[in-house]
Amino acid sequence: MSGPEYTFKAFANKRRLAILRYLMTHPEASVGGLADAIKLSFRSTSKHLAILVVAGVVEYEQRGKQIFYKLVSSPPALIRKLLTLI
């Protein structure tokens, strides 16, 4: 799934916005670190991150057993604009 509709849907959730706000002030974070920071379960945080990855807002890198997430380095114009609004 792609396109502006999916991008808007990815931003239309308070938990995902909390994840994005956190990642805007921290260069990267593990799922557990994000879950603790936004006070959400590990499983729910993982689901929200998967939506943000598919939407092209965040990217991840696996190191050993942990996965670290960060904002995409060169987001499309629409995502850049939406990030300035949160």
C-alpha atoms as a PDB file:
ATOM      1  CA  MET A   1       0.000   0.000   0.000  1.00  0.00           C
ATOM      2  CA  SER A   2       1.384   3.403  -0.892  1.00  0.00           C
ATOM      3  CA  GLY A   3       0.386   6.876  -1.933  1.00  0.00           C
ATOM      4  CA  PRO A   4      -0.690   9.965  -0.042  1.00  0.00           C
ATOM      5  CA  GLU A   5      -3.758   8.261   1.456  1.00  0.00           C
ATOM      6  CA  TYR A   6      -1.592   5.731   3.271  1.00  0.00           C
ATOM      7  CA  THR A   7       0.829   8.436   4.366  1.00  0.00           C
ATOM      8  CA  PHE A   8      -2.018  10.454   5.874  1.00  0.00           C
ATOM      9  CA  LYS A   9      -3.388   7.330   7.557  1.00  0.00           C
ATOM     10  CA  ALA A  10       0.032   6.626   9.077  1.00  0.00           C
ATOM     11  CA  PHE A  11       0.054  10.130  10.609  1.00  0.00           C
ATOM     12  CA  ALA A  12      -3.582   9.910  11.767  1.00  0.00           C
ATOM     13  CA  ASN A  13      -2.939   8.139  15.055  1.00  0.00           C
ATOM     14  CA  LYS A  14      -1.861   9.648  18.375  1.00  0.00           C
ATOM     15  CA  ARG A  15       0.442   6.734  19.213  1.00  0.00           C
ATOM     16  CA  ARG A  16       2.252   6.965  15.885  1.00  0.00           C
ATOM     17  CA  LEU A  17       2.564  10.721  16.340  1.00  0.00           C
ATOM     18  CA  ALA A  18       4.116  10.087  19.761  1.00  0.00           C
ATOM     19  CA  ILE A  19       6.606   7.705  18.139  1.00  0.00           C
ATOM     20  CA  LEU A  20       7.478  10.310  15.510  1.00  0.00           C
ATOM     21  CA  ARG A  21       7.886  13.061  18.103  1.00  0.00           C
ATOM     22  CA  TYR A  22      10.247  10.838  20.053  1.00  0.00           C
ATOM     23  CA  LEU A  23      12.280   9.982  16.954  1.00  0.00           C
ATOM     24  CA  MET A  24      12.503  13.655  16.038  1.00  0.00           C
ATOM     25  CA  THR A  25      14.422  14.289  19.262  1.00  0.00           C
ATOM     26  CA  HIS A  26      16.360  11.017  19.426  1.00  0.00           C
ATOM     27  CA  PRO A  27      18.468   9.815  16.487  1.00  0.00           C
ATOM     28  CA  GLU A  28      17.282   6.221  16.884  1.00  0.00           C
ATOM     29  CA  ALA A  29      15.508   3.961  19.332  1.00  0.00           C
ATOM     30  CA  SER A  30      14.817   0.301  19.931  1.00  0.00           C
ATOM     31  CA  VAL A  31      11.259  -0.987  20.058  1.00  0.00           C
ATOM     32  CA  GLY A  32      11.571  -1.460  23.813  1.00  0.00           C
ATOM     33  CA  GLY A  33      12.934   2.035  24.288  1.00  0.00           C
ATOM     34  CA  LEU A  34      10.108   3.521  22.250  1.00  0.00           C
ATOM     35  CA  ALA A  35       7.493   1.437  24.071  1.00  0.00           C
ATOM     36  CA  ASP A  36       8.795   2.688  27.427  1.00  0.00           C
ATOM     37  CA  ALA A  37       8.962   6.287  26.231  1.00  0.00           C
ATOM     38  CA  ILE A  38       5.394   6.397  24.927  1.00  0.00           C
ATOM     39  CA  LYS A  39       3.996   4.068  27.600  1.00  0.00           C
ATOM     40  CA  LEU A  40       2.668   1.433  25.244  1.00  0.00           C
ATOM     41  CA  SER A  41       3.188  -2.309  25.064  1.00  0.00           C
ATOM     42  CA  PHE A  42       6.074  -3.730  23.059  1.00  0.00           C
ATOM     43  CA  ARG A  43       3.650  -5.522  20.734  1.00  0.00           C
ATOM     44  CA  SER A  44       1.503  -2.458  20.021  1.00  0.00           C
ATOM     45  CA  THR A  45       4.573  -0.304  19.482  1.00  0.00           C
ATOM     46  CA  SER A  46       5.887  -2.858  16.966  1.00  0.00           C
ATOM     47  CA  LYS A  47       2.599  -2.763  15.063  1.00  0.00           C
ATOM     48  CA  HIS A  48       2.647   1.036  14.881  1.00  0.00           C
ATOM     49  CA  LEU A  49       6.271   1.000  13.736  1.00  0.00           C
ATOM     50  CA  ALA A  50       5.422  -1.487  10.972  1.00  0.00           C
ATOM     51  CA  ILE A  51       2.793   0.929   9.649  1.00  0.00           C
ATOM     52  CA  LEU A  52       5.293   3.800   9.719  1.00  0.00           C
ATOM     53  CA  VAL A  53       7.879   1.678   7.881  1.00  0.00           C
ATOM     54  CA  VAL A  54       5.423   0.735   5.112  1.00  0.00           C
ATOM     55  CA  ALA A  55       4.423   4.410   4.811  1.00  0.00           C
ATOM     56  CA  GLY A  56       8.080   5.322   4.299  1.00  0.00           C
ATOM     57  CA  VAL A  57       8.330   7.503   7.397  1.00  0.00           C
ATOM     58  CA  VAL A  58      10.763   5.425   9.447  1.00  0.00           C
ATOM     59  CA  GLU A  59      13.427   2.880   8.626  1.00  0.00           C
ATOM     60  CA  TYR A  60      15.082   0.234  10.735  1.00  0.00           C
ATOM     61  CA  GLU A  61      18.307  -1.646  11.234  1.00  0.00           C
ATOM     62  CA  GLN A  62      18.644  -4.964  12.995  1.00  0.00           C
ATOM     63  CA  ARG A  63      21.634  -5.370  15.286  1.00  0.00           C
ATOM     64  CA  GLY A  64      21.790  -8.789  16.825  1.00  0.00           C
ATOM     65  CA  LYS A  65      18.401  -9.460  18.369  1.00  0.00           C
ATOM     66  CA  GLN A  66      17.383  -5.802  18.594  1.00  0.00           C
ATOM     67  CA  ILE A  67      15.849  -3.617  15.928  1.00  0.00           C
ATOM     68  CA  PHE A  68      16.527   0.111  15.957  1.00  0.00           C
ATOM     69  CA  TYR A  69      14.238   2.632  14.271  1.00  0.00           C
ATOM     70  CA  LYS A  70      14.896   6.132  13.002  1.00  0.00           C
ATOM     71  CA  LEU A  71      13.256   8.645  10.716  1.00  0.00           C
ATOM     72  CA  VAL A  72      14.078   8.088   7.051  1.00  0.00           C
ATOM     73  CA  SER A  73      17.098  10.098   6.012  1.00  0.00           C
ATOM     74  CA  SER A  74      15.610  11.558   2.817  1.00  0.00           C
ATOM     75  CA  PRO A  75      11.819  11.546   3.124  1.00  0.00           C
ATOM     76  CA  PRO A  76       9.571  12.598   0.236  1.00  0.00           C
ATOM     77  CA  ALA A  77       8.272  16.172   0.308  1.00  0.00           C
ATOM     78  CA  LEU A  78       4.865  15.208   1.734  1.00  0.00           C
ATOM     79  CA  ILE A  79       6.416  13.386   4.691  1.00  0.00           C
ATOM     80  CA  ARG A  80       8.891  16.243   5.313  1.00  0.00           C
ATOM     81  CA  LYS A  81       5.986  18.693   5.414  1.00  0.00           C
ATOM     82  CA  LEU A  82       3.893  16.520   7.738  1.00  0.00           C
ATOM     83  CA  LEU A  83       6.832  16.086  10.121  1.00  0.00           C
ATOM     84  CA  THR A  84       7.096  19.871  10.455  1.00  0.00           C
ATOM     85  CA  LEU A  85       3.473  19.955  11.621  1.00  0.00           C
ATOM     86  CA  ILE A  86       3.791  17.586  14.573  1.00  0.00           C
END
